[in-house]
Amino acid sequence: MQALDKVTTETMRFEAPVGQPIRYKTLIFTVRACETTAADEVAPDSAAYMTVDTQPKALPGRVAPPGRQVYKGWMYANSPGLNPLQHPVYDAWLIACKTSSPVAPAAKR
C-alpha cells in the first residue's frame, strides 16, 4: 500500500498483511483478501478487498473520539482511480499483493 497525506505531502509505503489492521496516522487499513493474476495473464494486476476506518488518536487525558468506516471495497493496483478512497486529508492506493513462495514438499526417504 501507499498513502499520501495531502496536507503535508508526506507519502509512505507499507505492508498490510491480510487480516492485520495497520495504522497510518488516523486511518486504519484492514486487508481482507489480496489476489494477483497469474504471471501469464496479458495484463497482470493485483486486487485487494479492504476496509479503511478513521480513528483519531486520543489526546492525553481524554477518550479517543469514535471511529467510523470511510472505505470498504476492492482496490486495484493497475486502476487506482476505479474505487478510490474518498477522504479530505488522505489518499491511499494498492501497489501490489505480496505472495508467499510455495513451500517445497519434504523429500521422501
C-alpha atoms as a PDB file:
ATOM      1  CA  MET A   1       0.000   0.000   0.000  1.00  0.00           C
ATOM      2  CA  GLN A   2       0.983   3.614  -0.411  1.00  0.00           C
ATOM      3  CA  ALA A   3      -0.635   6.515   1.393  1.00  0.00           C
ATOM      4  CA  LEU A   4      -0.397  10.268   0.932  1.00  0.00           C
ATOM      5  CA  ASP A   5      -1.099  12.987   3.469  1.00  0.00           C
ATOM      6  CA  LYS A   6      -2.454  15.761   1.223  1.00  0.00           C
ATOM      7  CA  VAL A   7      -1.728  18.449   3.832  1.00  0.00           C
ATOM      8  CA  THR A   8       1.960  17.690   4.469  1.00  0.00           C
ATOM      9  CA  THR A   9       2.594  15.898   1.121  1.00  0.00           C
ATOM     10  CA  GLU A  10       4.167  13.053   3.095  1.00  0.00           C
ATOM     11  CA  THR A  11       3.938   9.662   1.399  1.00  0.00           C
ATOM     12  CA  MET A  12       4.526   6.300   2.978  1.00  0.00           C
ATOM     13  CA  ARG A  13       4.672   2.764   1.616  1.00  0.00           C
ATOM     14  CA  PHE A  14       3.762  -0.031   3.977  1.00  0.00           C
ATOM     15  CA  GLU A  15       2.777  -3.674   4.027  1.00  0.00           C
ATOM     16  CA  ALA A  16      -0.661  -4.589   5.294  1.00  0.00           C
ATOM     17  CA  PRO A  17      -0.817  -8.345   5.942  1.00  0.00           C
ATOM     18  CA  VAL A  18      -4.244  -9.916   5.341  1.00  0.00           C
ATOM     19  CA  GLY A  19      -6.383  -9.700   8.470  1.00  0.00           C
ATOM     20  CA  GLN A  20      -3.989  -7.456  10.419  1.00  0.00           C
ATOM     21  CA  PRO A  21      -5.058  -3.824  10.992  1.00  0.00           C
ATOM     22  CA  ILE A  22      -2.327  -1.307  10.104  1.00  0.00           C
ATOM     23  CA  ARG A  23      -2.446   2.344  11.200  1.00  0.00           C
ATOM     24  CA  TYR A  24      -1.352   5.270   9.034  1.00  0.00           C
ATOM     25  CA  LYS A  25      -1.908   8.474  11.004  1.00  0.00           C
ATOM     26  CA  THR A  26      -5.672   8.467  11.758  1.00  0.00           C
ATOM     27  CA  LEU A  27      -6.553   5.715   9.251  1.00  0.00           C
ATOM     28  CA  ILE A  28      -6.657   2.002   9.992  1.00  0.00           C
ATOM     29  CA  PHE A  29      -6.316  -0.296   6.964  1.00  0.00           C
ATOM     30  CA  THR A  30      -7.505  -3.896   7.191  1.00  0.00           C
ATOM     31  CA  VAL A  31      -6.920  -6.028   4.095  1.00  0.00           C
ATOM     32  CA  ARG A  32      -9.438  -8.870   3.981  1.00  0.00           C
ATOM     33  CA  ALA A  33      -8.186 -10.520   0.753  1.00  0.00           C
ATOM     34  CA  CYS A  34      -5.413  -9.873  -1.736  1.00  0.00           C
ATOM     35  CA  GLU A  35      -5.203 -11.561  -5.129  1.00  0.00           C
ATOM     36  CA  THR A  36      -2.761 -11.370  -8.017  1.00  0.00           C
ATOM     37  CA  THR A  37      -3.416 -12.527 -11.564  1.00  0.00           C
ATOM     38  CA  ALA A  38      -1.341 -15.367 -12.977  1.00  0.00           C
ATOM     39  CA  ALA A  39       2.062 -14.446 -14.392  1.00  0.00           C
ATOM     40  CA  ASP A  40       0.978 -15.466 -17.895  1.00  0.00           C
ATOM     41  CA  GLU A  41      -2.002 -13.065 -17.982  1.00  0.00           C
ATOM     42  CA  VAL A  42      -1.987 -10.385 -20.685  1.00  0.00           C
ATOM     43  CA  ALA A  43      -2.352  -7.594 -18.118  1.00  0.00           C
ATOM     44  CA  PRO A  44      -1.059  -8.692 -14.710  1.00  0.00           C
ATOM     45  CA  ASP A  45      -2.817  -6.965 -11.832  1.00  0.00           C
ATOM     46  CA  SER A  46      -3.351  -7.152  -8.082  1.00  0.00           C
ATOM     47  CA  ALA A  47      -6.617  -6.519  -6.267  1.00  0.00           C
ATOM     48  CA  ALA A  48      -7.286  -6.222  -2.547  1.00  0.00           C
ATOM     49  CA  TYR A  49     -10.578  -6.182  -0.675  1.00  0.00           C
ATOM     50  CA  MET A  50     -10.196  -3.927   2.332  1.00  0.00           C
ATOM     51  CA  THR A  51     -11.815  -1.721   4.888  1.00  0.00           C
ATOM     52  CA  VAL A  52     -10.424   1.627   5.999  1.00  0.00           C
ATOM     53  CA  ASP A  53     -11.579   3.138   9.266  1.00  0.00           C
ATOM     54  CA  THR A  54     -10.784   6.546  10.659  1.00  0.00           C
ATOM     55  CA  GLN A  55      -9.791   6.515  14.321  1.00  0.00           C
ATOM     56  CA  PRO A  56      -8.347   9.769  15.639  1.00  0.00           C
ATOM     57  CA  LYS A  57      -5.735   9.281  18.348  1.00  0.00           C
ATOM     58  CA  ALA A  58      -6.794  10.187  21.881  1.00  0.00           C
ATOM     59  CA  LEU A  59      -5.376  13.362  23.349  1.00  0.00           C
ATOM     60  CA  PRO A  60      -3.599  12.925  26.712  1.00  0.00           C
ATOM     61  CA  GLY A  61      -6.178  12.545  29.458  1.00  0.00           C
ATOM     62  CA  ARG A  62      -9.092  12.230  27.015  1.00  0.00           C
ATOM     63  CA  VAL A  63     -11.043   9.422  25.435  1.00  0.00           C
ATOM     64  CA  ALA A  64     -10.479   8.893  21.710  1.00  0.00           C
ATOM     65  CA  PRO A  65     -13.345  10.112  19.514  1.00  0.00           C
ATOM     66  CA  PRO A  66     -15.425   7.313  17.995  1.00  0.00           C
ATOM     67  CA  GLY A  67     -14.101   5.848  14.753  1.00  0.00           C
ATOM     68  CA  ARG A  68     -16.050   5.277  11.566  1.00  0.00           C
ATOM     69  CA  GLN A  69     -15.624   3.353   8.350  1.00  0.00           C
ATOM     70  CA  VAL A  70     -14.554   5.538   5.408  1.00  0.00           C
ATOM     71  CA  TYR A  71     -13.924   2.848   2.767  1.00  0.00           C
ATOM     72  CA  LYS A  72     -14.991  -0.721   2.064  1.00  0.00           C
ATOM     73  CA  GLY A  73     -14.343  -2.450  -1.237  1.00  0.00           C
ATOM     74  CA  TRP A  74     -11.825  -3.595  -3.805  1.00  0.00           C
ATOM     75  CA  MET A  75      -8.746  -1.589  -4.791  1.00  0.00           C
ATOM     76  CA  TYR A  76      -6.885  -2.430  -7.995  1.00  0.00           C
ATOM     77  CA  ALA A  77      -3.148  -1.790  -8.402  1.00  0.00           C
ATOM     78  CA  ASN A  78      -3.389  -1.040 -12.146  1.00  0.00           C
ATOM     79  CA  SER A  79      -6.540   1.113 -11.775  1.00  0.00           C
ATOM     80  CA  PRO A  80      -6.208   3.148  -8.553  1.00  0.00           C
ATOM     81  CA  GLY A  81      -8.976   5.531  -9.641  1.00  0.00           C
ATOM     82  CA  LEU A  82     -11.556   2.789 -10.160  1.00  0.00           C
ATOM     83  CA  ASN A  83     -12.620   2.525  -6.487  1.00  0.00           C
ATOM     84  CA  PRO A  84     -10.607   5.224  -4.718  1.00  0.00           C
ATOM     85  CA  LEU A  85     -10.543   6.101  -1.052  1.00  0.00           C
ATOM     86  CA  GLN A  86     -12.560   9.341  -0.726  1.00  0.00           C
ATOM     87  CA  HIS A  87     -11.011  11.272   2.162  1.00  0.00           C
ATOM     88  CA  PRO A  88     -10.369  15.019   2.544  1.00  0.00           C
ATOM     89  CA  VAL A  89      -6.860  14.595   4.039  1.00  0.00           C
ATOM     90  CA  TYR A  90      -5.523  11.239   2.794  1.00  0.00           C
ATOM     91  CA  ASP A  91      -5.184   9.279  -0.429  1.00  0.00           C
ATOM     92  CA  ALA A  92      -4.255   5.605  -0.459  1.00  0.00           C
ATOM     93  CA  TRP A  93      -3.809   3.034  -3.187  1.00  0.00           C
ATOM     94  CA  LEU A  94      -2.722  -0.542  -3.688  1.00  0.00           C
ATOM     95  CA  ILE A  95       0.782  -1.098  -5.068  1.00  0.00           C
ATOM     96  CA  ALA A  96       0.773  -4.904  -5.248  1.00  0.00           C
ATOM     97  CA  CYS A  97      -0.095  -8.073  -3.412  1.00  0.00           C
ATOM     98  CA  LYS A  98       2.832  -9.891  -1.938  1.00  0.00           C
ATOM     99  CA  THR A  99       2.535 -13.623  -2.403  1.00  0.00           C
ATOM    100  CA  SER A 100       4.448 -16.080  -0.335  1.00  0.00           C
ATOM    101  CA  SER A 101       6.641 -18.622  -2.071  1.00  0.00           C
ATOM    102  CA  PRO A 102       5.223 -22.127  -2.014  1.00  0.00           C
ATOM    103  CA  VAL A 103       6.974 -24.490   0.378  1.00  0.00           C
ATOM    104  CA  ALA A 104       8.601 -27.439  -1.341  1.00  0.00           C
ATOM    105  CA  PRO A 105       7.392 -30.790  -0.004  1.00  0.00           C
ATOM    106  CA  ALA A 106       9.858 -32.702   2.104  1.00  0.00           C
ATOM    107  CA  ALA A 107      11.900 -35.278   0.213  1.00  0.00           C
ATOM    108  CA  LYS A 108      10.855 -38.876   0.789  1.00  0.00           C
ATOM    109  CA  ARG A 109      13.492 -41.251   2.076  1.00  0.00           C
END
